[in-house]
Amino acid sequence: MAQSLPHLYYYPSPLGRLVLASDGASLVGLCFDGQPSKPRWLCNHFPSTPVPAGTDFADPALRQASEWLDAYFGGAKLPSAPPLALSGTPFQQAVWRLLLSIPYGQTVTYGALAAELARTFGLDRMSAQAVGHAVACNPVMLIVPCHRVVGAGGRLAGYAGGLERKQHLLQLERAVLPPQ
């Protein structure tokens, strides 16, 4: 039986409503409400019913995430990210750690992430498609900046929130795209 999440919050972003989920201590999910591909954490916890709305800022992770999002969308200096509890395979966890290292306003290609992971694991090479799948499974959009990963030559590719939102986020950050 699916474990229920104790705290949920709808955040009104300029790009559409976001759903934030906390386990009471850490942020476990952040996605656009109604995005085309429903995140696994949302499906696992709410398989057939809509996410209940509610503001519970007694939850420190939701309060901190909301403050982080306010700063992000407001163009202010980002405060510390809320504590995260990212549920995934060891490979996904490794990819998400790399995503967290991408600086604000910078981008990296799926191929560059694959090359870095291959070095980390002592391999000759790694599939950019495997990395892309792990990026797509990111349970905490924006804070774990999967929108900063682009296709070869800097082309916009793959974003669960939609490519239009990805483009807006990169423009907000005045992102530097890799040379073509």
Protein backbone atom coordinates (compact mmCIF):
# COMPACT_ATOMS: atom_id res chain seq x y z
CA MET A 1 0.00 0.00 0.00
CA ALA A 2 1.29 3.46 -0.85
CA GLN A 3 2.52 5.58 2.01
CA SER A 4 0.73 8.93 2.20
CA LEU A 5 2.65 12.16 2.33
CA PRO A 6 1.89 14.26 5.38
CA HIS A 7 2.35 17.66 3.73
CA LEU A 8 1.51 19.06 0.32
CA TYR A 9 1.45 22.60 -1.01
CA TYR A 10 0.49 24.28 -4.28
CA TYR A 11 2.94 27.06 -5.14
CA PRO A 12 1.71 29.73 -7.62
CA SER A 13 4.73 30.15 -9.94
CA PRO A 14 4.76 32.51 -12.93
CA LEU A 15 4.99 29.43 -15.19
CA GLY A 16 2.06 27.58 -13.66
CA ARG A 17 1.15 26.02 -10.37
CA LEU A 18 3.74 23.78 -8.74
CA VAL A 19 3.00 20.86 -6.44
CA LEU A 20 5.44 20.50 -3.53
CA ALA A 21 5.50 17.44 -1.29
CA SER A 22 7.29 16.89 2.00
CA ASP A 23 7.71 13.87 4.23
CA GLY A 24 7.61 16.19 7.23
CA ALA A 25 11.36 16.78 7.33
CA SER A 26 12.55 16.96 3.70
CA LEU A 27 11.23 17.90 0.30
CA VAL A 28 10.43 14.71 -1.62
CA GLY A 29 8.69 16.11 -4.70
CA LEU A 30 8.30 19.24 -6.79
CA CYS A 31 6.61 19.32 -10.18
CA PHE A 32 4.31 21.40 -12.34
CA ASP A 33 0.67 20.60 -11.63
CA GLY A 34 -0.82 18.87 -14.65
CA GLN A 35 2.48 18.36 -16.44
CA PRO A 36 2.22 15.82 -19.27
CA SER A 37 4.23 13.09 -17.53
CA LYS A 38 3.08 12.60 -13.97
CA PRO A 39 6.05 12.12 -11.59
CA ARG A 40 6.40 8.70 -10.02
CA TRP A 41 6.23 10.11 -6.47
CA LEU A 42 2.87 11.71 -7.25
CA CYS A 43 1.52 8.54 -8.87
CA ASN A 44 2.77 6.36 -6.01
CA HIS A 45 1.10 8.45 -3.35
CA PHE A 46 -2.03 9.58 -5.16
CA PRO A 47 -2.77 6.97 -7.81
CA SER A 48 -6.35 7.91 -8.61
CA THR A 49 -7.25 11.06 -6.70
CA PRO A 50 -6.17 14.66 -7.20
CA VAL A 51 -3.54 16.13 -4.92
CA PRO A 52 -5.28 17.85 -2.00
CA ALA A 53 -4.54 21.54 -1.73
CA GLY A 54 -3.27 22.93 1.51
CA THR A 55 -0.73 25.18 3.09
CA ASP A 56 1.09 23.72 6.04
CA PHE A 57 4.01 25.96 6.79
CA ALA A 58 4.50 24.24 10.11
CA ASP A 59 6.47 21.97 7.77
CA PRO A 60 9.96 23.52 7.58
CA ALA A 61 10.83 21.87 4.25
CA LEU A 62 7.76 23.35 2.53
CA ARG A 63 8.41 26.77 4.06
CA GLN A 64 12.06 26.68 2.96
CA ALA A 65 11.13 25.44 -0.53
CA SER A 66 8.55 28.21 -0.91
CA GLU A 67 11.13 30.83 0.14
CA TRP A 68 13.64 29.33 -2.32
CA LEU A 69 11.06 29.48 -5.14
CA ASP A 70 10.15 33.09 -4.23
CA ALA A 71 13.83 34.07 -4.54
CA TYR A 72 14.34 32.03 -7.73
CA PHE A 73 11.38 33.48 -9.60
CA GLY A 74 12.06 36.94 -8.13
CA GLY A 75 15.63 36.98 -9.46
CA ALA A 76 17.06 37.33 -5.94
CA LYS A 77 20.07 35.57 -4.45
CA LEU A 78 19.05 32.01 -3.75
CA PRO A 79 18.85 30.95 -0.11
CA SER A 80 19.88 27.48 0.98
CA ALA A 81 17.81 24.76 -0.61
CA PRO A 82 15.50 22.81 1.66
CA PRO A 83 16.63 19.39 2.81
CA LEU A 84 15.92 16.85 0.09
CA ALA A 85 14.98 13.17 0.30
CA LEU A 86 15.37 11.93 -3.25
CA SER A 87 14.13 8.41 -3.80
CA GLY A 88 15.75 6.61 -6.71
CA THR A 89 18.25 4.01 -7.82
CA PRO A 90 21.98 4.47 -7.06
CA PHE A 91 22.50 5.47 -10.71
CA GLN A 92 19.70 8.05 -10.56
CA GLN A 93 21.12 9.39 -7.29
CA ALA A 94 24.54 9.83 -8.97
CA VAL A 95 22.95 11.71 -11.87
CA TRP A 96 20.96 13.95 -9.52
CA ARG A 97 24.12 14.78 -7.52
CA LEU A 98 25.68 15.95 -10.80
CA LEU A 99 22.61 18.04 -11.57
CA LEU A 100 22.99 19.77 -8.20
CA SER A 101 26.52 20.78 -9.20
CA ILE A 102 25.41 22.67 -12.34
CA PRO A 103 25.74 26.37 -11.46
CA TYR A 104 22.88 28.82 -11.85
CA GLY A 105 22.91 30.26 -15.37
CA GLN A 106 24.99 27.42 -16.83
CA THR A 107 23.98 24.45 -18.92
CA VAL A 108 25.50 21.07 -19.63
CA THR A 109 24.72 18.47 -22.27
CA TYR A 110 23.46 14.96 -21.64
CA GLY A 111 26.66 13.74 -23.32
CA ALA A 112 28.88 15.75 -20.95
CA LEU A 113 27.00 14.33 -17.95
CA ALA A 114 27.43 10.82 -19.38
CA ALA A 115 31.18 11.39 -19.81
CA GLU A 116 31.50 12.67 -16.23
CA LEU A 117 29.57 9.68 -14.87
CA ALA A 118 31.72 7.28 -16.91
CA ARG A 119 34.83 8.80 -15.28
CA THR A 120 33.19 8.59 -11.85
CA PHE A 121 32.36 4.90 -12.33
CA GLY A 122 35.69 4.08 -14.03
CA LEU A 123 34.06 3.24 -17.36
CA ASP A 124 35.23 4.01 -20.89
CA ARG A 125 31.87 5.50 -21.79
CA MET A 126 28.25 5.73 -20.73
CA SER A 127 25.01 6.15 -22.62
CA ALA A 128 23.69 9.71 -22.81
CA GLN A 129 20.23 8.14 -23.19
CA ALA A 130 20.60 6.37 -19.81
CA VAL A 131 21.58 9.67 -18.26
CA GLY A 132 18.60 11.33 -19.96
CA HIS A 133 16.26 8.76 -18.45
CA ALA A 134 17.68 9.38 -14.95
CA VAL A 135 17.37 13.15 -15.47
CA ALA A 136 13.72 12.63 -16.48
CA CYS A 137 13.09 10.76 -13.21
CA ASN A 138 14.20 13.74 -11.09
CA PRO A 139 11.56 14.05 -8.36
CA VAL A 140 12.40 17.66 -7.38
CA MET A 141 12.36 19.95 -10.43
CA LEU A 142 13.98 23.39 -10.32
CA ILE A 143 15.86 22.83 -7.04
CA VAL A 144 17.56 19.81 -8.63
CA PRO A 145 18.08 21.73 -11.88
CA CYS A 146 17.25 19.24 -14.63
CA HIS A 147 16.19 22.20 -16.79
CA ARG A 148 19.91 23.08 -17.15
CA VAL A 149 20.60 19.93 -19.16
CA VAL A 150 20.41 20.41 -22.92
CA GLY A 151 20.88 18.29 -26.00
CA ALA A 152 23.93 18.20 -28.24
CA GLY A 153 24.81 21.60 -29.63
CA GLY A 154 22.76 23.36 -26.96
CA ARG A 155 19.36 22.43 -28.39
CA LEU A 156 16.48 22.29 -25.95
CA ALA A 157 15.46 18.71 -25.33
CA GLY A 158 13.52 16.73 -22.80
CA TYR A 159 11.79 18.48 -19.92
CA ALA A 160 8.84 17.00 -18.05
CA GLY A 161 7.40 20.48 -17.50
CA GLY A 162 7.49 21.17 -21.24
CA LEU A 163 10.11 22.74 -23.48
CA GLU A 164 8.44 26.17 -23.35
CA ARG A 165 8.88 26.24 -19.57
CA LYS A 166 12.45 25.01 -19.90
CA GLN A 167 13.19 27.87 -22.27
CA HIS A 168 11.61 30.38 -19.83
CA LEU A 169 13.67 29.01 -16.93
CA LEU A 170 16.91 29.24 -18.90
CA GLN A 171 16.03 32.79 -19.98
CA LEU A 172 15.25 33.70 -16.36
CA GLU A 173 18.73 32.49 -15.41
CA ARG A 174 20.29 34.15 -18.49
CA ALA A 175 21.78 30.73 -19.10
CA VAL A 176 24.89 30.23 -21.15
CA LEU A 177 24.29 27.52 -23.74
CA PRO A 178 27.19 25.30 -24.83
CA PRO A 179 28.89 26.30 -28.11
CA GLN A 180 27.36 24.74 -31.22
